[in-house]
């Protein structure tokens, strides 16, 4: 794997670990943080694949845009569109000052990101 791709993967893994750790906190955990880090995990895996494929991408956190750019090299990732869209919707919602993620939203975000992570790691030739 290319060095820069590997760095994107390292960031993705760090975000996944942070999301898991935050969700495991019984009192005082931050569901918003779980959702944010789950989103960042998926985003960074998309960017790793784009980097690996020498595909230029804009500075964006929009998962749909990044998925679209991956379409030629990873057409099977289209099956993750609804999951990534849901992850993005939750992330957009919690950016609003009057909104907070629930524990259920945090769990769902982590599950959505974990599912995409497994697929991305397989594609990139990484162990799950």
N, C-alpha and C. Protein backbone atom coordinates (compact mmCIF):
# COMPACT_ATOMS: atom_id res chain seq x y z
N UNK A 1 0.85 -1.18 0.00
CA UNK A 1 0.00 0.00 0.00
C UNK A 1 0.89 1.24 0.00
N UNK A 2 0.43 2.27 -0.65
CA UNK A 2 1.17 3.53 -0.69
C UNK A 2 1.22 4.16 0.70
N UNK A 3 2.29 4.89 0.93
CA UNK A 3 2.48 5.49 2.26
C UNK A 3 1.32 6.40 2.65
N UNK A 4 0.86 7.24 1.74
CA UNK A 4 -0.23 8.15 2.07
C UNK A 4 -1.54 7.38 2.29
N UNK A 5 -1.76 6.34 1.52
CA UNK A 5 -2.95 5.50 1.74
C UNK A 5 -2.91 4.89 3.13
N UNK A 6 -1.73 4.42 3.50
CA UNK A 6 -1.54 3.82 4.82
C UNK A 6 -1.82 4.84 5.93
N UNK A 7 -1.47 6.08 5.69
CA UNK A 7 -1.74 7.12 6.69
C UNK A 7 -3.24 7.36 6.84
N UNK A 8 -3.97 7.33 5.71
CA UNK A 8 -5.43 7.47 5.79
C UNK A 8 -6.03 6.32 6.58
N UNK A 9 -5.52 5.10 6.34
CA UNK A 9 -6.01 3.94 7.07
C UNK A 9 -5.72 4.09 8.57
N UNK A 10 -4.53 4.55 8.90
CA UNK A 10 -4.18 4.74 10.31
C UNK A 10 -5.13 5.73 10.98
N UNK A 11 -5.46 6.80 10.27
CA UNK A 11 -6.42 7.76 10.82
C UNK A 11 -7.80 7.12 10.99
N UNK A 12 -8.21 6.35 10.00
CA UNK A 12 -9.51 5.68 10.08
C UNK A 12 -9.57 4.76 11.29
N UNK A 13 -8.51 4.00 11.49
CA UNK A 13 -8.47 3.08 12.63
C UNK A 13 -8.47 3.83 13.96
N UNK A 14 -7.77 4.94 14.01
CA UNK A 14 -7.76 5.75 15.24
C UNK A 14 -9.17 6.27 15.55
N UNK A 15 -9.89 6.69 14.52
CA UNK A 15 -11.26 7.16 14.73
C UNK A 15 -12.17 6.03 15.17
N UNK A 16 -11.99 4.83 14.61
CA UNK A 16 -12.81 3.70 15.02
C UNK A 16 -12.55 3.36 16.49
N UNK A 17 -11.30 3.35 16.88
CA UNK A 17 -10.96 3.05 18.27
C UNK A 17 -11.53 4.09 19.23
N UNK A 18 -11.47 5.36 18.83
CA UNK A 18 -12.03 6.43 19.67
C UNK A 18 -13.54 6.26 19.80
N UNK A 19 -14.21 5.95 18.70
CA UNK A 19 -15.67 5.76 18.75
C UNK A 19 -16.03 4.60 19.67
N UNK A 20 -15.31 3.49 19.53
CA UNK A 20 -15.58 2.33 20.39
C UNK A 20 -15.34 2.65 21.87
N UNK A 21 -14.24 3.32 22.13
CA UNK A 21 -13.89 3.66 23.52
C UNK A 21 -14.94 4.59 24.12
N UNK A 22 -15.37 5.57 23.36
CA UNK A 22 -16.37 6.52 23.85
C UNK A 22 -17.71 5.82 24.10
N UNK A 23 -18.08 4.91 23.23
CA UNK A 23 -19.34 4.19 23.40
C UNK A 23 -19.30 3.29 24.63
N UNK A 24 -18.13 2.80 24.98
CA UNK A 24 -17.98 1.89 26.11
C UNK A 24 -18.09 2.59 27.47
N UNK A 25 -17.99 3.90 27.48
CA UNK A 25 -18.07 4.64 28.74
C UNK A 25 -19.52 4.59 29.22
N UNK A 26 -19.72 4.08 30.41
CA UNK A 26 -21.08 3.89 30.93
C UNK A 26 -21.72 5.19 31.40
N UNK A 27 -20.96 6.02 32.11
CA UNK A 27 -21.48 7.31 32.58
C UNK A 27 -20.60 8.41 32.02
N UNK A 28 -21.23 9.39 31.43
CA UNK A 28 -20.48 10.53 30.92
C UNK A 28 -19.94 10.36 29.52
N UNK A 29 -20.32 9.27 28.85
CA UNK A 29 -19.90 9.08 27.46
C UNK A 29 -20.56 10.13 26.56
N UNK A 30 -19.99 10.34 25.41
CA UNK A 30 -20.47 11.37 24.51
C UNK A 30 -20.96 10.73 23.20
N UNK A 31 -22.27 10.49 23.06
CA UNK A 31 -22.79 9.89 21.83
C UNK A 31 -22.47 10.70 20.57
N UNK A 32 -22.43 12.03 20.70
CA UNK A 32 -22.06 12.86 19.54
C UNK A 32 -20.67 12.50 19.05
N UNK A 33 -19.75 12.28 19.97
CA UNK A 33 -18.37 11.94 19.60
C UNK A 33 -18.32 10.59 18.89
N UNK A 34 -19.12 9.64 19.34
CA UNK A 34 -19.17 8.34 18.69
C UNK A 34 -19.59 8.51 17.24
N UNK A 35 -20.65 9.27 17.02
CA UNK A 35 -21.16 9.50 15.67
C UNK A 35 -20.13 10.20 14.79
N UNK A 36 -19.49 11.22 15.33
CA UNK A 36 -18.49 11.96 14.58
C UNK A 36 -17.32 11.06 14.20
N UNK A 37 -16.79 10.31 15.14
CA UNK A 37 -15.63 9.47 14.85
C UNK A 37 -15.99 8.30 13.94
N UNK A 38 -17.21 7.80 14.02
CA UNK A 38 -17.65 6.76 13.09
C UNK A 38 -17.68 7.30 11.67
N UNK A 39 -18.20 8.51 11.51
CA UNK A 39 -18.23 9.17 10.20
C UNK A 39 -16.81 9.37 9.68
N UNK A 40 -15.92 9.84 10.53
CA UNK A 40 -14.54 10.09 10.11
C UNK A 40 -13.82 8.79 9.73
N UNK A 41 -14.15 7.70 10.39
CA UNK A 41 -13.58 6.41 10.02
C UNK A 41 -13.94 6.06 8.58
N UNK A 42 -15.23 6.14 8.25
CA UNK A 42 -15.67 5.83 6.89
C UNK A 42 -15.05 6.79 5.89
N UNK A 43 -15.04 8.06 6.22
CA UNK A 43 -14.45 9.08 5.34
C UNK A 43 -12.99 8.76 5.03
N UNK A 44 -12.24 8.42 6.05
CA UNK A 44 -10.81 8.16 5.86
C UNK A 44 -10.56 6.89 5.06
N UNK A 45 -11.41 5.88 5.20
CA UNK A 45 -11.26 4.69 4.35
C UNK A 45 -11.57 5.01 2.89
N UNK A 46 -12.56 5.84 2.64
CA UNK A 46 -12.84 6.26 1.26
C UNK A 46 -11.63 7.01 0.69
N UNK A 47 -11.06 7.88 1.47
CA UNK A 47 -9.90 8.64 1.01
C UNK A 47 -8.68 7.75 0.81
N UNK A 48 -8.53 6.73 1.64
CA UNK A 48 -7.43 5.77 1.46
C UNK A 48 -7.56 5.07 0.12
N UNK A 49 -8.78 4.66 -0.21
CA UNK A 49 -8.98 3.95 -1.49
C UNK A 49 -8.75 4.87 -2.67
N UNK A 50 -9.19 6.10 -2.56
CA UNK A 50 -8.95 7.07 -3.63
C UNK A 50 -7.46 7.32 -3.80
N UNK A 51 -6.77 7.48 -2.70
CA UNK A 51 -5.33 7.69 -2.74
C UNK A 51 -4.63 6.49 -3.38
N UNK A 52 -5.05 5.32 -2.98
CA UNK A 52 -4.45 4.08 -3.51
C UNK A 52 -4.67 3.97 -5.02
N UNK A 53 -5.79 4.48 -5.49
CA UNK A 53 -6.11 4.43 -6.92
C UNK A 53 -5.63 5.64 -7.71
N UNK A 54 -4.85 6.50 -7.06
CA UNK A 54 -4.35 7.73 -7.71
C UNK A 54 -5.49 8.59 -8.25
N UNK A 55 -6.57 8.65 -7.48
CA UNK A 55 -7.74 9.44 -7.87
C UNK A 55 -7.75 10.71 -7.02
N UNK A 56 -7.69 11.85 -7.69
CA UNK A 56 -7.74 13.12 -6.99
C UNK A 56 -9.12 13.30 -6.35
N UNK A 57 -9.12 13.92 -5.19
CA UNK A 57 -10.39 14.18 -4.52
C UNK A 57 -10.31 15.53 -3.83
N UNK A 58 -11.47 16.19 -3.74
CA UNK A 58 -11.50 17.51 -3.09
C UNK A 58 -11.41 17.38 -1.58
N UNK A 59 -11.14 18.48 -0.95
CA UNK A 59 -11.20 18.53 0.51
C UNK A 59 -12.68 18.55 0.88
N UNK A 60 -13.17 17.40 1.30
CA UNK A 60 -14.59 17.28 1.64
C UNK A 60 -14.77 16.16 2.66
N UNK A 61 -15.84 16.27 3.40
CA UNK A 61 -16.20 15.20 4.32
C UNK A 61 -17.52 14.55 3.89
N UNK A 62 -17.98 14.88 2.68
CA UNK A 62 -19.22 14.31 2.16
C UNK A 62 -18.98 12.89 1.66
N UNK A 63 -19.52 11.94 2.38
CA UNK A 63 -19.29 10.54 2.04
C UNK A 63 -19.84 10.20 0.66
N UNK A 64 -20.97 10.79 0.27
CA UNK A 64 -21.55 10.49 -1.04
C UNK A 64 -20.63 10.95 -2.17
N UNK A 65 -19.99 12.08 -2.00
CA UNK A 65 -19.05 12.59 -3.01
C UNK A 65 -17.86 11.65 -3.12
N UNK A 66 -17.31 11.26 -1.98
CA UNK A 66 -16.15 10.37 -1.98
C UNK A 66 -16.52 8.99 -2.54
N UNK A 67 -17.70 8.49 -2.20
CA UNK A 67 -18.15 7.21 -2.74
C UNK A 67 -18.30 7.30 -4.26
N UNK A 68 -18.86 8.38 -4.74
CA UNK A 68 -19.02 8.58 -6.19
C UNK A 68 -17.66 8.52 -6.88
N UNK A 69 -16.66 9.15 -6.28
CA UNK A 69 -15.33 9.16 -6.88
C UNK A 69 -14.69 7.77 -6.87
N UNK A 70 -15.12 6.91 -5.96
CA UNK A 70 -14.61 5.53 -5.89
C UNK A 70 -15.30 4.59 -6.88
N UNK A 71 -16.37 5.04 -7.50
CA UNK A 71 -17.23 4.15 -8.29
C UNK A 71 -16.50 3.36 -9.36
N UNK A 72 -15.56 3.97 -10.05
CA UNK A 72 -14.87 3.26 -11.13
C UNK A 72 -13.96 2.16 -10.62
N UNK A 73 -13.33 2.37 -9.47
CA UNK A 73 -12.39 1.38 -8.95
C UNK A 73 -13.04 0.41 -7.96
N UNK A 74 -14.14 0.80 -7.36
CA UNK A 74 -14.84 -0.04 -6.38
C UNK A 74 -16.35 -0.02 -6.62
N UNK A 75 -16.80 -0.54 -7.76
CA UNK A 75 -18.25 -0.47 -8.05
C UNK A 75 -19.11 -1.21 -7.03
N UNK A 76 -18.55 -2.25 -6.39
CA UNK A 76 -19.34 -2.99 -5.40
C UNK A 76 -19.60 -2.18 -4.14
N UNK A 77 -18.85 -1.10 -3.94
CA UNK A 77 -19.09 -0.25 -2.77
C UNK A 77 -20.41 0.49 -2.87
N UNK A 78 -21.00 0.49 -4.05
CA UNK A 78 -22.32 1.12 -4.21
C UNK A 78 -23.32 0.51 -3.23
N UNK A 79 -23.11 -0.74 -2.88
CA UNK A 79 -24.02 -1.41 -1.94
C UNK A 79 -23.99 -0.77 -0.55
N UNK A 80 -22.99 0.04 -0.28
CA UNK A 80 -22.87 0.73 1.01
C UNK A 80 -23.49 2.14 0.99
N UNK A 81 -24.00 2.54 -0.16
CA UNK A 81 -24.51 3.92 -0.29
C UNK A 81 -25.53 4.27 0.79
N UNK A 82 -26.50 3.42 1.02
CA UNK A 82 -27.54 3.76 2.01
C UNK A 82 -26.96 3.85 3.41
N UNK A 83 -26.02 2.98 3.74
CA UNK A 83 -25.38 3.03 5.06
C UNK A 83 -24.56 4.32 5.22
N UNK A 84 -23.81 4.66 4.19
CA UNK A 84 -22.99 5.87 4.26
C UNK A 84 -23.86 7.12 4.28
N UNK A 85 -24.99 7.07 3.57
CA UNK A 85 -25.92 8.20 3.59
C UNK A 85 -26.52 8.39 4.97
N UNK A 86 -26.86 7.29 5.62
CA UNK A 86 -27.39 7.35 6.98
C UNK A 86 -26.34 7.90 7.95
N UNK A 87 -25.12 7.44 7.80
CA UNK A 87 -24.02 7.93 8.63
C UNK A 87 -23.84 9.44 8.44
N UNK A 88 -23.91 9.90 7.21
CA UNK A 88 -23.80 11.33 6.92
C UNK A 88 -24.97 12.12 7.51
N UNK A 89 -26.16 11.56 7.40
CA UNK A 89 -27.35 12.25 7.92
C UNK A 89 -27.24 12.43 9.43
N UNK A 90 -26.80 11.40 10.12
CA UNK A 90 -26.63 11.50 11.57
C UNK A 90 -25.56 12.55 11.89
N UNK A 91 -24.47 12.51 11.16
CA UNK A 91 -23.39 13.46 11.40
C UNK A 91 -23.85 14.90 11.18
N UNK A 92 -24.61 15.13 10.10
CA UNK A 92 -25.13 16.49 9.84
C UNK A 92 -26.06 16.93 10.96
N UNK A 93 -26.91 16.03 11.41
CA UNK A 93 -27.88 16.36 12.46
C UNK A 93 -27.17 16.81 13.73
N UNK A 94 -26.16 16.08 14.14
CA UNK A 94 -25.51 16.41 15.42
C UNK A 94 -24.64 17.65 15.34
N UNK A 95 -24.44 18.18 14.15
CA UNK A 95 -23.68 19.43 14.01
C UNK A 95 -24.51 20.64 14.44
N UNK A 96 -25.81 20.45 14.53
CA UNK A 96 -26.70 21.53 14.92
C UNK A 96 -26.67 21.70 16.44
N UNK A 97 -26.63 22.95 16.92
CA UNK A 97 -26.49 23.18 18.37
C UNK A 97 -27.66 22.65 19.20
N UNK A 98 -28.83 22.56 18.60
CA UNK A 98 -29.98 22.10 19.37
C UNK A 98 -30.18 20.58 19.32
N UNK A 99 -29.29 19.90 18.61
CA UNK A 99 -29.41 18.45 18.46
C UNK A 99 -28.29 17.71 19.17
N UNK A 100 -28.61 16.59 19.74
CA UNK A 100 -27.63 15.71 20.37
C UNK A 100 -27.94 14.28 19.97
N UNK A 101 -26.90 13.51 19.76
CA UNK A 101 -27.07 12.11 19.42
C UNK A 101 -27.59 11.34 20.63
N UNK A 102 -28.42 10.37 20.36
CA UNK A 102 -28.86 9.47 21.40
C UNK A 102 -27.90 8.28 21.44
N UNK A 103 -28.02 7.48 22.45
CA UNK A 103 -27.21 6.27 22.54
C UNK A 103 -27.50 5.35 21.36
N UNK A 104 -28.76 5.26 20.97
CA UNK A 104 -29.13 4.42 19.82
C UNK A 104 -28.49 4.94 18.53
N UNK A 105 -28.47 6.24 18.36
CA UNK A 105 -27.82 6.83 17.18
C UNK A 105 -26.32 6.52 17.18
N UNK A 106 -25.72 6.60 18.34
CA UNK A 106 -24.29 6.31 18.45
C UNK A 106 -24.01 4.85 18.10
N UNK A 107 -24.83 3.95 18.62
CA UNK A 107 -24.66 2.52 18.31
C UNK A 107 -24.85 2.26 16.82
N UNK A 108 -25.86 2.89 16.24
CA UNK A 108 -26.11 2.71 14.80
C UNK A 108 -24.95 3.25 13.97
N UNK A 109 -24.45 4.41 14.34
CA UNK A 109 -23.32 5.00 13.60
C UNK A 109 -22.10 4.08 13.65
N UNK A 110 -21.83 3.54 14.81
CA UNK A 110 -20.69 2.65 14.95
C UNK A 110 -20.88 1.39 14.12
N UNK A 111 -22.08 0.86 14.10
CA UNK A 111 -22.36 -0.34 13.31
C UNK A 111 -22.23 -0.06 11.81
N UNK A 112 -22.76 1.07 11.36
CA UNK A 112 -22.66 1.44 9.95
C UNK A 112 -21.20 1.60 9.53
N UNK A 113 -20.43 2.28 10.34
CA UNK A 113 -19.01 2.48 10.03
C UNK A 113 -18.25 1.17 10.08
N UNK A 114 -18.58 0.32 11.03
CA UNK A 114 -17.90 -0.98 11.15
C UNK A 114 -18.15 -1.86 9.93
N UNK A 115 -19.37 -1.84 9.44
CA UNK A 115 -19.71 -2.63 8.25
C UNK A 115 -18.91 -2.14 7.05
N UNK A 116 -18.87 -0.83 6.85
CA UNK A 116 -18.10 -0.29 5.73
C UNK A 116 -16.61 -0.53 5.92
N UNK A 117 -16.14 -0.39 7.14
CA UNK A 117 -14.72 -0.61 7.46
C UNK A 117 -14.29 -2.02 7.04
N UNK A 118 -15.10 -3.01 7.36
CA UNK A 118 -14.76 -4.40 7.02
C UNK A 118 -14.61 -4.57 5.51
N UNK A 119 -15.51 -3.98 4.78
CA UNK A 119 -15.46 -4.06 3.32
C UNK A 119 -14.23 -3.33 2.77
N UNK A 120 -13.97 -2.15 3.31
CA UNK A 120 -12.84 -1.34 2.86
C UNK A 120 -11.51 -2.05 3.14
N UNK A 121 -11.39 -2.61 4.32
CA UNK A 121 -10.15 -3.30 4.70
C UNK A 121 -9.92 -4.51 3.78
N UNK A 122 -10.98 -5.23 3.46
CA UNK A 122 -10.85 -6.39 2.55
C UNK A 122 -10.37 -5.92 1.19
N UNK A 123 -10.98 -4.88 0.68
CA UNK A 123 -10.60 -4.34 -0.63
C UNK A 123 -9.15 -3.88 -0.65
N UNK A 124 -8.70 -3.27 0.45
CA UNK A 124 -7.34 -2.77 0.53
C UNK A 124 -6.32 -3.85 0.89
N UNK A 125 -6.80 -5.08 1.04
CA UNK A 125 -5.91 -6.18 1.35
C UNK A 125 -5.42 -6.20 2.78
N UNK A 126 -6.23 -5.66 3.69
CA UNK A 126 -5.86 -5.59 5.10
C UNK A 126 -6.65 -6.62 5.89
N UNK A 127 -6.08 -7.10 6.96
CA UNK A 127 -6.78 -8.05 7.82
C UNK A 127 -7.85 -7.31 8.62
N UNK A 128 -8.96 -8.00 8.86
CA UNK A 128 -10.04 -7.38 9.65
C UNK A 128 -9.82 -7.53 11.12
